[in-house]
């Protein structure tokens, strides 16, 4: 682990920060981001200090597993996921960090809520 990564983990409060990433369909990039982050905190044995989640701004894929390409990518790196797509809810604002990988999603979330 790099010094920068150690700094991030060292600044976890007792309750722990919450990370949620938002995407359009919640079957490709966001489940990958969620699974990778979950593996990172598990590998560092700080998973009890972090809660991770992901959701979509749309309802197109609710209930579906990640795209086959996303699953293949995760498997190639030894990462498992049991993710099922879901749509974002207002509870998103209880998360400490909400990474969004595109400006359109930020605009959509701010309009909806």
PDB file of N, CA and C in Angstrom:
ATOM      1  N   UNK A   1       0.846  -1.180   0.000  1.00  0.00           N
ATOM      2  CA  UNK A   1       0.000   0.000   0.000  1.00  0.00           C
ATOM      3  C   UNK A   1       0.887   1.238   0.000  1.00  0.00           C
ATOM      4  N   UNK A   2       0.520   2.220  -0.822  1.00  0.00           N
ATOM      5  CA  UNK A   2       1.304   3.452  -0.893  1.00  0.00           C
ATOM      6  C   UNK A   2       1.024   4.334   0.316  1.00  0.00           C
ATOM      7  N   UNK A   3       1.869   5.308   0.534  1.00  0.00           N
ATOM      8  CA  UNK A   3       1.690   6.243   1.643  1.00  0.00           C
ATOM      9  C   UNK A   3       0.380   7.017   1.488  1.00  0.00           C
ATOM     10  N   UNK A   4       0.051   7.387   0.250  1.00  0.00           N
ATOM     11  CA  UNK A   4      -1.193   8.114  -0.008  1.00  0.00           C
ATOM     12  C   UNK A   4      -2.403   7.257   0.378  1.00  0.00           C
ATOM     13  N   UNK A   5      -2.379   5.964   0.026  1.00  0.00           N
ATOM     14  CA  UNK A   5      -3.477   5.074   0.395  1.00  0.00           C
ATOM     15  C   UNK A   5      -3.553   4.917   1.910  1.00  0.00           C
ATOM     16  N   UNK A   6      -2.400   4.799   2.585  1.00  0.00           N
ATOM     17  CA  UNK A   6      -2.386   4.681   4.045  1.00  0.00           C
ATOM     18  C   UNK A   6      -3.014   5.907   4.693  1.00  0.00           C
ATOM     19  N   UNK A   7      -2.736   7.095   4.141  1.00  0.00           N
ATOM     20  CA  UNK A   7      -3.308   8.318   4.685  1.00  0.00           C
ATOM     21  C   UNK A   7      -4.825   8.281   4.609  1.00  0.00           C
ATOM     22  N   UNK A   8      -5.343   7.808   3.474  1.00  0.00           N
ATOM     23  CA  UNK A   8      -6.795   7.729   3.317  1.00  0.00           C
ATOM     24  C   UNK A   8      -7.399   6.817   4.371  1.00  0.00           C
ATOM     25  N   UNK A   9      -6.780   5.654   4.600  1.00  0.00           N
ATOM     26  CA  UNK A   9      -7.318   4.710   5.578  1.00  0.00           C
ATOM     27  C   UNK A   9      -7.131   5.219   7.007  1.00  0.00           C
ATOM     28  N   UNK A  10      -6.077   5.988   7.253  1.00  0.00           N
ATOM     29  CA  UNK A  10      -5.796   6.478   8.599  1.00  0.00           C
ATOM     30  C   UNK A  10      -6.794   7.536   9.034  1.00  0.00           C
ATOM     31  N   UNK A  11      -7.483   8.153   8.098  1.00  0.00           N
ATOM     32  CA  UNK A  11      -8.417   9.222   8.427  1.00  0.00           C
ATOM     33  C   UNK A  11      -9.863   8.748   8.476  1.00  0.00           C
ATOM     34  N   UNK A  12     -10.059   7.531   8.915  1.00  0.00           N
ATOM     35  CA  UNK A  12     -11.404   6.966   9.037  1.00  0.00           C
ATOM     36  C   UNK A  12     -11.905   7.249  10.446  1.00  0.00           C
ATOM     37  N   UNK A  13     -13.089   7.823  10.549  1.00  0.00           N
ATOM     38  CA  UNK A  13     -13.648   8.083  11.870  1.00  0.00           C
ATOM     39  C   UNK A  13     -14.107   6.766  12.484  1.00  0.00           C
ATOM     40  N   UNK A  14     -14.474   6.806  13.764  1.00  0.00           N
ATOM     41  CA  UNK A  14     -14.934   5.584  14.427  1.00  0.00           C
ATOM     42  C   UNK A  14     -16.157   5.013  13.725  1.00  0.00           C
ATOM     43  N   UNK A  15     -17.066   5.870  13.319  1.00  0.00           N
ATOM     44  CA  UNK A  15     -18.261   5.422  12.610  1.00  0.00           C
ATOM     45  C   UNK A  15     -17.913   5.004  11.193  1.00  0.00           C
ATOM     46  N   UNK A  16     -16.947   5.679  10.634  1.00  0.00           N
ATOM     47  CA  UNK A  16     -16.484   5.322   9.298  1.00  0.00           C
ATOM     48  C   UNK A  16     -17.160   6.125   8.212  1.00  0.00           C
ATOM     49  N   UNK A  17     -16.395   6.473   7.207  1.00  0.00           N
ATOM     50  CA  UNK A  17     -16.993   7.159   6.060  1.00  0.00           C
ATOM     51  C   UNK A  17     -17.787   6.176   5.211  1.00  0.00           C
ATOM     52  N   UNK A  18     -18.665   6.716   4.450  1.00  0.00           N
ATOM     53  CA  UNK A  18     -19.486   5.909   3.567  1.00  0.00           C
ATOM     54  C   UNK A  18     -19.216   6.351   2.142  1.00  0.00           C
ATOM     55  N   UNK A  19     -19.013   5.396   1.262  1.00  0.00           N
ATOM     56  CA  UNK A  19     -18.737   5.719  -0.131  1.00  0.00           C
ATOM     57  C   UNK A  19     -19.801   5.099  -1.003  1.00  0.00           C
ATOM     58  N   UNK A  20     -20.379   5.903  -1.871  1.00  0.00           N
ATOM     59  CA  UNK A  20     -21.391   5.416  -2.799  1.00  0.00           C
ATOM     60  C   UNK A  20     -21.063   6.013  -4.150  1.00  0.00           C
ATOM     61  N   UNK A  21     -21.002   5.164  -5.176  1.00  0.00           N
ATOM     62  CA  UNK A  21     -20.763   5.728  -6.497  1.00  0.00           C
ATOM     63  C   UNK A  21     -22.024   5.595  -7.338  1.00  0.00           C
ATOM     64  N   UNK A  22     -22.225   6.578  -8.189  1.00  0.00           N
ATOM     65  CA  UNK A  22     -23.447   6.687  -8.981  1.00  0.00           C
ATOM     66  C   UNK A  22     -23.144   6.581 -10.465  1.00  0.00           C
ATOM     67  N   UNK A  23     -23.981   5.855 -11.178  1.00  0.00           N
ATOM     68  CA  UNK A  23     -23.857   5.690 -12.624  1.00  0.00           C
ATOM     69  C   UNK A  23     -25.240   5.603 -13.249  1.00  0.00           C
ATOM     70  N   UNK A  24     -25.279   5.574 -14.574  1.00  0.00           N
ATOM     71  CA  UNK A  24     -26.552   5.489 -15.288  1.00  0.00           C
ATOM     72  C   UNK A  24     -27.294   4.191 -15.026  1.00  0.00           C
ATOM     73  N   UNK A  25     -26.656   3.039 -15.294  1.00  0.00           N
ATOM     74  CA  UNK A  25     -27.359   1.761 -15.238  1.00  0.00           C
ATOM     75  C   UNK A  25     -26.992   0.856 -14.093  1.00  0.00           C
ATOM     76  N   UNK A  26     -25.860   1.107 -13.416  1.00  0.00           N
ATOM     77  CA  UNK A  26     -25.420   0.346 -12.259  1.00  0.00           C
ATOM     78  C   UNK A  26     -25.122  -1.114 -12.589  1.00  0.00           C
ATOM     79  N   UNK A  27     -24.637  -1.372 -13.816  1.00  0.00           N
ATOM     80  CA  UNK A  27     -24.268  -2.747 -14.178  1.00  0.00           C
ATOM     81  C   UNK A  27     -22.849  -2.845 -14.746  1.00  0.00           C
ATOM     82  N   UNK A  28     -22.132  -1.734 -14.828  1.00  0.00           N
ATOM     83  CA  UNK A  28     -20.804  -1.790 -15.451  1.00  0.00           C
ATOM     84  C   UNK A  28     -19.750  -1.128 -14.561  1.00  0.00           C
ATOM     85  N   UNK A  29     -19.575   0.180 -14.684  1.00  0.00           N
ATOM     86  CA  UNK A  29     -18.515   0.861 -13.942  1.00  0.00           C
ATOM     87  C   UNK A  29     -18.761   0.918 -12.442  1.00  0.00           C
ATOM     88  N   UNK A  30     -19.968   1.225 -12.025  1.00  0.00           N
ATOM     89  CA  UNK A  30     -20.203   1.377 -10.589  1.00  0.00           C
ATOM     90  C   UNK A  30     -20.067   0.076  -9.811  1.00  0.00           C
ATOM     91  N   UNK A  31     -20.556  -1.075 -10.317  1.00  0.00           N
ATOM     92  CA  UNK A  31     -20.295  -2.297  -9.557  1.00  0.00           C
ATOM     93  C   UNK A  31     -18.810  -2.661  -9.521  1.00  0.00           C
ATOM     94  N   UNK A  32     -18.072  -2.306 -10.578  1.00  0.00           N
ATOM     95  CA  UNK A  32     -16.631  -2.536 -10.570  1.00  0.00           C
ATOM     96  C   UNK A  32     -15.993  -1.675  -9.480  1.00  0.00           C
ATOM     97  N   UNK A  33     -16.329  -0.391  -9.462  1.00  0.00           N
ATOM     98  CA  UNK A  33     -15.762   0.517  -8.455  1.00  0.00           C
ATOM     99  C   UNK A  33     -16.098   0.046  -7.042  1.00  0.00           C
ATOM    100  N   UNK A  34     -17.342  -0.351  -6.836  1.00  0.00           N
ATOM    101  CA  UNK A  34     -17.769  -0.828  -5.518  1.00  0.00           C
ATOM    102  C   UNK A  34     -16.986  -2.082  -5.115  1.00  0.00           C
ATOM    103  N   UNK A  35     -16.874  -3.048  -6.016  1.00  0.00           N
ATOM    104  CA  UNK A  35     -16.186  -4.309  -5.715  1.00  0.00           C
ATOM    105  C   UNK A  35     -14.690  -4.092  -5.474  1.00  0.00           C
ATOM    106  N   UNK A  36     -14.071  -3.237  -6.271  1.00  0.00           N
ATOM    107  CA  UNK A  36     -12.636  -2.968  -6.105  1.00  0.00           C
ATOM    108  C   UNK A  36     -12.382  -2.282  -4.767  1.00  0.00           C
ATOM    109  N   UNK A  37     -13.198  -1.280  -4.446  1.00  0.00           N
ATOM    110  CA  UNK A  37     -13.012  -0.591  -3.175  1.00  0.00           C
ATOM    111  C   UNK A  37     -13.241  -1.551  -2.010  1.00  0.00           C
ATOM    112  N   UNK A  38     -14.276  -2.374  -2.108  1.00  0.00           N
ATOM    113  CA  UNK A  38     -14.549  -3.347  -1.049  1.00  0.00           C
ATOM    114  C   UNK A  38     -13.347  -4.287  -0.862  1.00  0.00           C
ATOM    115  N   UNK A  39     -12.733  -4.713  -1.957  1.00  0.00           N
ATOM    116  CA  UNK A  39     -11.552  -5.577  -1.854  1.00  0.00           C
ATOM    117  C   UNK A  39     -10.391  -4.838  -1.198  1.00  0.00           C
ATOM    118  N   UNK A  40     -10.182  -3.570  -1.563  1.00  0.00           N
ATOM    119  CA  UNK A  40      -9.100  -2.795  -0.963  1.00  0.00           C
ATOM    120  C   UNK A  40      -9.242  -2.686   0.554  1.00  0.00           C
ATOM    121  N   UNK A  41     -10.430  -2.352   1.012  1.00  0.00           N
ATOM    122  CA  UNK A  41     -10.608  -2.202   2.463  1.00  0.00           C
ATOM    123  C   UNK A  41     -10.573  -3.555   3.163  1.00  0.00           C
ATOM    124  N   UNK A  42     -11.036  -4.611   2.499  1.00  0.00           N
ATOM    125  CA  UNK A  42     -10.961  -5.951   3.077  1.00  0.00           C
ATOM    126  C   UNK A  42      -9.504  -6.397   3.185  1.00  0.00           C
ATOM    127  N   UNK A  43      -8.732  -6.178   2.135  1.00  0.00           N
ATOM    128  CA  UNK A  43      -7.314  -6.539   2.157  1.00  0.00           C
ATOM    129  C   UNK A  43      -6.557  -5.811   3.258  1.00  0.00           C
ATOM    130  N   UNK A  44      -6.976  -4.596   3.559  1.00  0.00           N
ATOM    131  CA  UNK A  44      -6.321  -3.807   4.607  1.00  0.00           C
ATOM    132  C   UNK A  44      -6.946  -4.039   5.984  1.00  0.00           C
ATOM    133  N   UNK A  45      -7.939  -4.937   6.033  1.00  0.00           N
ATOM    134  CA  UNK A  45      -8.617  -5.292   7.281  1.00  0.00           C
ATOM    135  C   UNK A  45      -9.280  -4.085   7.970  1.00  0.00           C
ATOM    136  N   UNK A  46      -9.845  -3.196   7.155  1.00  0.00           N
ATOM    137  CA  UNK A  46     -10.586  -2.054   7.696  1.00  0.00           C
ATOM    138  C   UNK A  46     -12.022  -2.046   7.169  1.00  0.00           C
ATOM    139  N   UNK A  47     -12.497  -3.216   6.710  1.00  0.00           N
ATOM    140  CA  UNK A  47     -13.839  -3.271   6.122  1.00  0.00           C
ATOM    141  C   UNK A  47     -14.937  -2.931   7.121  1.00  0.00           C
ATOM    142  N   UNK A  48     -14.680  -3.110   8.419  1.00  0.00           N
ATOM    143  CA  UNK A  48     -15.689  -2.759   9.419  1.00  0.00           C
ATOM    144  C   UNK A  48     -15.781  -1.250   9.636  1.00  0.00           C
ATOM    145  N   UNK A  49     -14.889  -0.496   9.018  1.00  0.00           N
ATOM    146  CA  UNK A  49     -14.896   0.962   9.150  1.00  0.00           C
ATOM    147  C   UNK A  49     -15.450   1.668   7.921  1.00  0.00           C
ATOM    148  N   UNK A  50     -15.793   0.914   6.893  1.00  0.00           N
ATOM    149  CA  UNK A  50     -16.274   1.495   5.639  1.00  0.00           C
ATOM    150  C   UNK A  50     -17.552   0.805   5.202  1.00  0.00           C
ATOM    151  N   UNK A  51     -18.467   1.565   4.652  1.00  0.00           N
ATOM    152  CA  UNK A  51     -19.647   1.000   4.015  1.00  0.00           C
ATOM    153  C   UNK A  51     -19.616   1.459   2.564  1.00  0.00           C
ATOM    154  N   UNK A  52     -19.692   0.511   1.637  1.00  0.00           N
ATOM    155  CA  UNK A  52     -19.683   0.868   0.222  1.00  0.00           C
ATOM    156  C   UNK A  52     -20.997   0.448  -0.418  1.00  0.00           C
ATOM    157  N   UNK A  53     -21.369   1.163  -1.446  1.00  0.00           N
ATOM    158  CA  UNK A  53     -22.620   0.889  -2.135  1.00  0.00           C
ATOM    159  C   UNK A  53     -22.533   1.529  -3.512  1.00  0.00           C
ATOM    160  N   UNK A  54     -23.421   1.132  -4.388  1.00  0.00           N
ATOM    161  CA  UNK A  54     -23.528   1.800  -5.687  1.00  0.00           C
ATOM    162  C   UNK A  54     -24.970   1.718  -6.145  1.00  0.00           C
ATOM    163  N   UNK A  55     -25.355   2.664  -6.978  1.00  0.00           N
ATOM    164  CA  UNK A  55     -26.724   2.717  -7.480  1.00  0.00           C
ATOM    165  C   UNK A  55     -26.741   3.508  -8.782  1.00  0.00           C
ATOM    166  N   UNK A  56     -27.851   3.402  -9.493  1.00  0.00           N
ATOM    167  CA  UNK A  56     -28.007   4.071 -10.786  1.00  0.00           C
ATOM    168  C   UNK A  56     -28.951   5.256 -10.667  1.00  0.00           C
ATOM    169  N   UNK A  57     -28.779   6.218 -11.555  1.00  0.00           N
ATOM    170  CA  UNK A  57     -29.744   7.310 -11.602  1.00  0.00           C
ATOM    171  C   UNK A  57     -30.993   6.888 -12.370  1.00  0.00           C
ATOM    172  N   UNK A  58     -30.874   5.860 -13.197  1.00  0.00           N
ATOM    173  CA  UNK A  58     -32.031   5.373 -13.966  1.00  0.00           C
ATOM    174  C   UNK A  58     -32.530   4.052 -13.376  1.00  0.00           C
ATOM    175  N   UNK A  59     -33.676   3.616 -13.849  1.00  0.00           N
ATOM    176  CA  UNK A  59     -34.218   2.332 -13.378  1.00  0.00           C
ATOM    177  C   UNK A  59     -34.115   1.245 -14.448  1.00  0.00           C
ATOM    178  N   UNK A  60     -33.323   1.481 -15.478  1.00  0.00           N
ATOM    179  CA  UNK A  60     -33.245   0.571 -16.624  1.00  0.00           C
ATOM    180  C   UNK A  60     -32.870  -0.854 -16.251  1.00  0.00           C
ATOM    181  N   UNK A  61     -31.936  -1.013 -15.324  1.00  0.00           N
ATOM    182  CA  UNK A  61     -31.370  -2.329 -15.042  1.00  0.00           C
ATOM    183  C   UNK A  61     -31.628  -2.834 -13.630  1.00  0.00           C
ATOM    184  N   UNK A  62     -32.575  -2.250 -12.929  1.00  0.00           N
ATOM    185  CA  UNK A  62     -32.828  -2.631 -11.541  1.00  0.00           C
ATOM    186  C   UNK A  62     -33.009  -4.146 -11.434  1.00  0.00           C
ATOM    187  N   UNK A  63     -32.260  -4.738 -10.501  1.00  0.00           N
ATOM    188  CA  UNK A  63     -32.351  -6.177 -10.260  1.00  0.00           C
ATOM    189  C   UNK A  63     -31.403  -7.029 -11.083  1.00  0.00           C
ATOM    190  N   UNK A  64     -30.767  -6.438 -12.085  1.00  0.00           N
ATOM    191  CA  UNK A  64     -29.857  -7.203 -12.949  1.00  0.00           C
ATOM    192  C   UNK A  64     -28.463  -7.310 -12.346  1.00  0.00           C
ATOM    193  N   UNK A  65     -27.788  -8.388 -12.683  1.00  0.00           N
ATOM    194  CA  UNK A  65     -26.383  -8.566 -12.306  1.00  0.00           C
ATOM    195  C   UNK A  65     -25.525  -7.661 -13.182  1.00  0.00           C
ATOM    196  N   UNK A  66     -24.272  -7.446 -12.792  1.00  0.00           N
ATOM    197  CA  UNK A  66     -23.384  -6.637 -13.638  1.00  0.00           C
ATOM    198  C   UNK A  66     -23.221  -7.231 -15.028  1.00  0.00           C
ATOM    199  N   UNK A  67     -22.912  -6.381 -15.976  1.00  0.00           N
ATOM    200  CA  UNK A  67     -22.646  -6.765 -17.355  1.00  0.00           C
ATOM    201  C   UNK A  67     -21.544  -7.831 -17.387  1.00  0.00           C
ATOM    202  N   UNK A  68     -21.629  -8.749 -18.351  1.00  0.00           N
ATOM    203  CA  UNK A  68     -20.653  -9.838 -18.467  1.00  0.00           C
ATOM    204  C   UNK A  68     -19.225  -9.316 -18.572  1.00  0.00           C
ATOM    205  N   UNK A  69     -19.048  -8.177 -19.252  1.00  0.00           N
ATOM    206  CA  UNK A  69     -17.700  -7.605 -19.378  1.00  0.00           C
ATOM    207  C   UNK A  69     -17.183  -7.096 -18.040  1.00  0.00           C
ATOM    208  N   UNK A  70     -18.072  -6.530 -17.231  1.00  0.00           N
ATOM    209  CA  UNK A  70     -17.674  -6.067 -15.898  1.00  0.00           C
ATOM    210  C   UNK A  70     -17.292  -7.262 -15.026  1.00  0.00           C
ATOM    211  N   UNK A  71     -18.089  -8.323 -15.084  1.00  0.00           N
ATOM    212  CA  UNK A  71     -17.786  -9.524 -14.305  1.00  0.00           C
ATOM    213  C   UNK A  71     -16.467 -10.149 -14.745  1.00  0.00           C
ATOM    214  N   UNK A  72     -16.232 -10.174 -16.048  1.00  0.00           N
ATOM    215  CA  UNK A  72     -14.991 -10.726 -16.580  1.00  0.00           C
ATOM    216  C   UNK A  72     -13.789  -9.912 -16.084  1.00  0.00           C
ATOM    217  N   UNK A  73     -13.910  -8.604 -16.111  1.00  0.00           N
ATOM    218  CA  UNK A  73     -12.847  -7.720 -15.638  1.00  0.00           C
ATOM    219  C   UNK A  73     -12.545  -8.001 -14.166  1.00  0.00           C
ATOM    220  N   UNK A  74     -13.580  -8.106 -13.358  1.00  0.00           N
ATOM    221  CA  UNK A  74     -13.385  -8.377 -11.933  1.00  0.00           C
ATOM    222  C   UNK A  74     -12.738  -9.746 -11.723  1.00  0.00           C
ATOM    223  N   UNK A  75     -13.239 -10.762 -12.425  1.00  0.00           N
ATOM    224  CA  UNK A  75     -12.666 -12.112 -12.300  1.00  0.00           C
ATOM    225  C   UNK A  75     -11.186 -12.127 -12.686  1.00  0.00           C
ATOM    226  N   UNK A  76     -10.838 -11.389 -13.735  1.00  0.00           N
ATOM    227  CA  UNK A  76      -9.444 -11.322 -14.173  1.00  0.00           C
ATOM    228  C   UNK A  76      -8.518 -10.757 -13.100  1.00  0.00           C
ATOM    229  N   UNK A  77      -9.104 -10.049 -12.154  1.00  0.00           N
ATOM    230  CA  UNK A  77      -8.322  -9.465 -11.062  1.00  0.00           C
ATOM    231  C   UNK A  77      -8.605 -10.146  -9.726  1.00  0.00           C
ATOM    232  N   UNK A  78      -9.306 -11.282  -9.777  1.00  0.00           N
ATOM    233  CA  UNK A  78      -9.572 -12.046  -8.562  1.00  0.00           C
ATOM    234  C   UNK A  78     -10.546 -11.397  -7.611  1.00  0.00           C
ATOM    235  N   UNK A  79     -11.490 -10.637  -8.154  1.00  0.00           N
ATOM    236  CA  UNK A  79     -12.463  -9.922  -7.323  1.00  0.00           C
ATOM    237  C   UNK A  79     -13.849 -10.486  -7.582  1.00  0.00           C
ATOM    238  N   UNK A  80     -14.562 -10.801  -6.514  1.00  0.00           N
ATOM    239  CA  UNK A  80     -15.923 -11.334  -6.598  1.00  0.00           C
ATOM    240  C   UNK A  80     -16.941 -10.231  -6.309  1.00  0.00           C
ATOM    241  N   UNK A  81     -18.152 -10.410  -6.828  1.00  0.00           N
ATOM    242  CA  UNK A  81     -19.252  -9.501  -6.497  1.00  0.00           C
ATOM    243  C   UNK A  81     -20.580 -10.243  -6.592  1.00  0.00           C
ATOM    244  N   UNK A  82     -21.502  -9.884  -5.727  1.00  0.00           N
ATOM    245  CA  UNK A  82     -22.869 -10.419  -5.769  1.00  0.00           C
ATOM    246  C   UNK A  82     -23.835  -9.269  -6.062  1.00  0.00           C
ATOM    247  N   UNK A  83     -23.320  -8.213  -6.657  1.00  0.00           N
ATOM    248  CA  UNK A  83     -24.072  -6.984  -6.899  1.00  0.00           C
ATOM    249  C   UNK A  83     -25.327  -7.207  -7.742  1.00  0.00           C
ATOM    250  N   UNK A  84     -26.391  -6.497  -7.396  1.00  0.00           N
ATOM    251  CA  UNK A  84     -27.608  -6.393  -8.200  1.00  0.00           C
ATOM    252  C   UNK A  84     -27.904  -4.909  -8.362  1.00  0.00           C
ATOM    253  N   UNK A  85     -28.157  -4.499  -9.592  1.00  0.00           N
ATOM    254  CA  UNK A  85     -28.392  -3.081  -9.875  1.00  0.00           C
ATOM    255  C   UNK A  85     -29.612  -2.565  -9.123  1.00  0.00           C
ATOM    256  N   UNK A  86     -29.503  -1.326  -8.685  1.00  0.00           N
ATOM    257  CA  UNK A  86     -30.636  -0.662  -8.037  1.00  0.00           C
ATOM    258  C   UNK A  86     -30.586   0.819  -8.340  1.00  0.00           C
ATOM    259  N   UNK A  87     -31.695   1.475  -8.087  1.00  0.00           N
ATOM    260  CA  UNK A  87     -31.791   2.903  -8.379  1.00  0.00           C
ATOM    261  C   UNK A  87     -31.477   3.711  -7.127  1.00  0.00           C
ATOM    262  N   UNK A  88     -30.870   4.867  -7.335  1.00  0.00           N
ATOM    263  CA  UNK A  88     -30.503   5.739  -6.229  1.00  0.00           C
ATOM    264  C   UNK A  88     -31.743   6.203  -5.466  1.00  0.00           C
ATOM    265  N   UNK A  89     -31.544   6.426  -4.173  1.00  0.00           N
ATOM    266  CA  UNK A  89     -32.607   6.937  -3.303  1.00  0.00           C
ATOM    267  C   UNK A  89     -32.093   8.192  -2.603  1.00  0.00           C
ATOM    268  N   UNK A  90     -32.964   8.888  -1.946  1.00  0.00           N
ATOM    269  CA  UNK A  90     -32.564  10.118  -1.270  1.00  0.00           C
ATOM    270  C   UNK A  90     -31.529   9.858  -0.174  1.00  0.00           C
ATOM    271  N   UNK A  91     -31.460   8.629   0.322  1.00  0.00           N
ATOM    272  CA  UNK A  91     -30.478   8.283   1.357  1.00  0.00           C
ATOM    273  C   UNK A  91     -29.042   8.450   0.871  1.00  0.00           C
ATOM    274  N   UNK A  92     -28.862   8.692  -0.428  1.00  0.00           N
ATOM    275  CA  UNK A  92     -27.524   8.943  -0.972  1.00  0.00           C
ATOM    276  C   UNK A  92     -26.802  10.020  -0.168  1.00  0.00           C
ATOM    277  N   UNK A  93     -27.531  10.971   0.357  1.00  0.00           N
ATOM    278  CA  UNK A  93     -26.902  12.094   1.034  1.00  0.00           C
ATOM    279  C   UNK A  93     -26.394  11.745   2.430  1.00  0.00           C
ATOM    280  N   UNK A  94     -26.605  10.499   2.877  1.00  0.00           N
ATOM    281  CA  UNK A  94     -26.020  10.066   4.149  1.00  0.00           C
ATOM    282  C   UNK A  94     -24.594   9.564   3.951  1.00  0.00           C
ATOM    283  N   UNK A  95     -24.143   9.462   2.703  1.00  0.00           N
ATOM    284  CA  UNK A  95     -22.795   8.998   2.417  1.00  0.00           C
ATOM    285  C   UNK A  95     -21.808  10.147   2.497  1.00  0.00           C
ATOM    286  N   UNK A  96     -20.604   9.847   2.972  1.00  0.00           N
ATOM    287  CA  UNK A  96     -19.563  10.866   3.104  1.00  0.00           C
ATOM    288  C   UNK A  96     -18.962  11.251   1.767  1.00  0.00           C
ATOM    289  N   UNK A  97     -18.829  10.265   0.870  1.00  0.00           N
ATOM    290  CA  UNK A  97     -18.238  10.477  -0.446  1.00  0.00           C
ATOM    291  C   UNK A  97     -19.167   9.899  -1.498  1.00  0.00           C
ATOM    292  N   UNK A  98     -19.417  10.661  -2.553  1.00  0.00           N
ATOM    293  CA  UNK A  98     -20.267  10.179  -3.640  1.00  0.00           C
ATOM    294  C   UNK A  98     -19.538  10.439  -4.953  1.00  0.00           C
ATOM    295  N   UNK A  99     -18.620   9.540  -5.335  1.00  0.00           N
ATOM    296  CA  UNK A  99     -17.926   9.760  -6.607  1.00  0.00           C
ATOM    297  C   UNK A  99     -18.839   9.531  -7.796  1.00  0.00           C
ATOM    298  N   UNK A 100     -18.848  10.454  -8.717  1.00  0.00           N
ATOM    299  CA  UNK A 100     -19.603  10.309  -9.958  1.00  0.00           C
ATOM    300  C   UNK A 100     -18.633  10.537 -11.091  1.00  0.00           C
ATOM    301  N   UNK A 101     -18.640   9.636 -12.058  1.00  0.00           N
ATOM    302  CA  UNK A 101     -17.628   9.683 -13.094  1.00  0.00           C
ATOM    303  C   UNK A 101     -18.006  10.527 -14.295  1.00  0.00           C
ATOM    304  N   UNK A 102     -19.116  11.243 -14.195  1.00  0.00           N
ATOM    305  CA  UNK A 102     -19.455  12.117 -15.320  1.00  0.00           C
ATOM    306  C   UNK A 102     -20.334  13.273 -14.846  1.00  0.00           C
ATOM    307  N   UNK A 103     -20.131  14.434 -15.428  1.00  0.00           N
ATOM    308  CA  UNK A 103     -20.846  15.651 -15.048  1.00  0.00           C
ATOM    309  C   UNK A 103     -22.348  15.503 -15.201  1.00  0.00           C
ATOM    310  N   UNK A 104     -22.798  14.783 -16.215  1.00  0.00           N
ATOM    311  CA  UNK A 104     -24.240  14.616 -16.439  1.00  0.00           C
ATOM    312  C   UNK A 104     -24.915  13.958 -15.231  1.00  0.00           C
ATOM    313  N   UNK A 105     -24.232  13.033 -14.582  1.00  0.00           N
ATOM    314  CA  UNK A 105     -24.809  12.380 -13.401  1.00  0.00           C
ATOM    315  C   UNK A 105     -24.928  13.343 -12.243  1.00  0.00           C
ATOM    316  N   UNK A 106     -23.941  14.203 -12.070  1.00  0.00           N
ATOM    317  CA  UNK A 106     -24.018  15.204 -10.996  1.00  0.00           C
ATOM    318  C   UNK A 106     -25.204  16.116 -11.226  1.00  0.00           C
ATOM    319  N   UNK A 107     -25.396  16.555 -12.444  1.00  0.00           N
ATOM    320  CA  UNK A 107     -26.527  17.418 -12.785  1.00  0.00           C
ATOM    321  C   UNK A 107     -27.837  16.694 -12.536  1.00  0.00           C
ATOM    322  N   UNK A 108     -27.936  15.433 -12.943  1.00  0.00           N
ATOM    323  CA  UNK A 108     -29.158  14.657 -12.759  1.00  0.00           C
ATOM    324  C   UNK A 108     -29.492  14.495 -11.285  1.00  0.00           C
ATOM    325  N   UNK A 109     -28.517  14.108 -10.474  1.00  0.00           N
ATOM    326  CA  UNK A 109     -28.749  13.912  -9.030  1.00  0.00           C
ATOM    327  C   UNK A 109     -29.208  15.205  -8.379  1.00  0.00           C
ATOM    328  N   UNK A 110     -28.594  16.324  -8.718  1.00  0.00           N
ATOM    329  CA  UNK A 110     -28.983  17.592  -8.096  1.00  0.00           C
ATOM    330  C   UNK A 110     -30.369  18.029  -8.541  1.00  0.00           C
ATOM    331  N   UNK A 111     -30.806  17.651  -9.724  1.00  0.00           N
ATOM    332  CA  UNK A 111     -32.157  17.973 -10.170  1.00  0.00           C
ATOM    333  C   UNK A 111     -33.217  17.097  -9.503  1.00  0.00           C
ATOM    334  N   UNK A 112     -32.889  15.808  -9.317  1.00  0.00           N
ATOM    335  CA  UNK A 112     -33.843  14.863  -8.736  1.00  0.00           C
ATOM    336  C   UNK A 112     -34.067  15.130  -7.256  1.00  0.00           C
ATOM    337  N   UNK A 113     -32.986  15.446  -6.549  1.00  0.00           N
ATOM    338  CA  UNK A 113     -33.104  15.632  -5.109  1.00  0.00           C
ATOM    339  C   UNK A 113     -32.870  17.079  -4.768  1.00  0.00           C
TER     340      UNK A 113
END
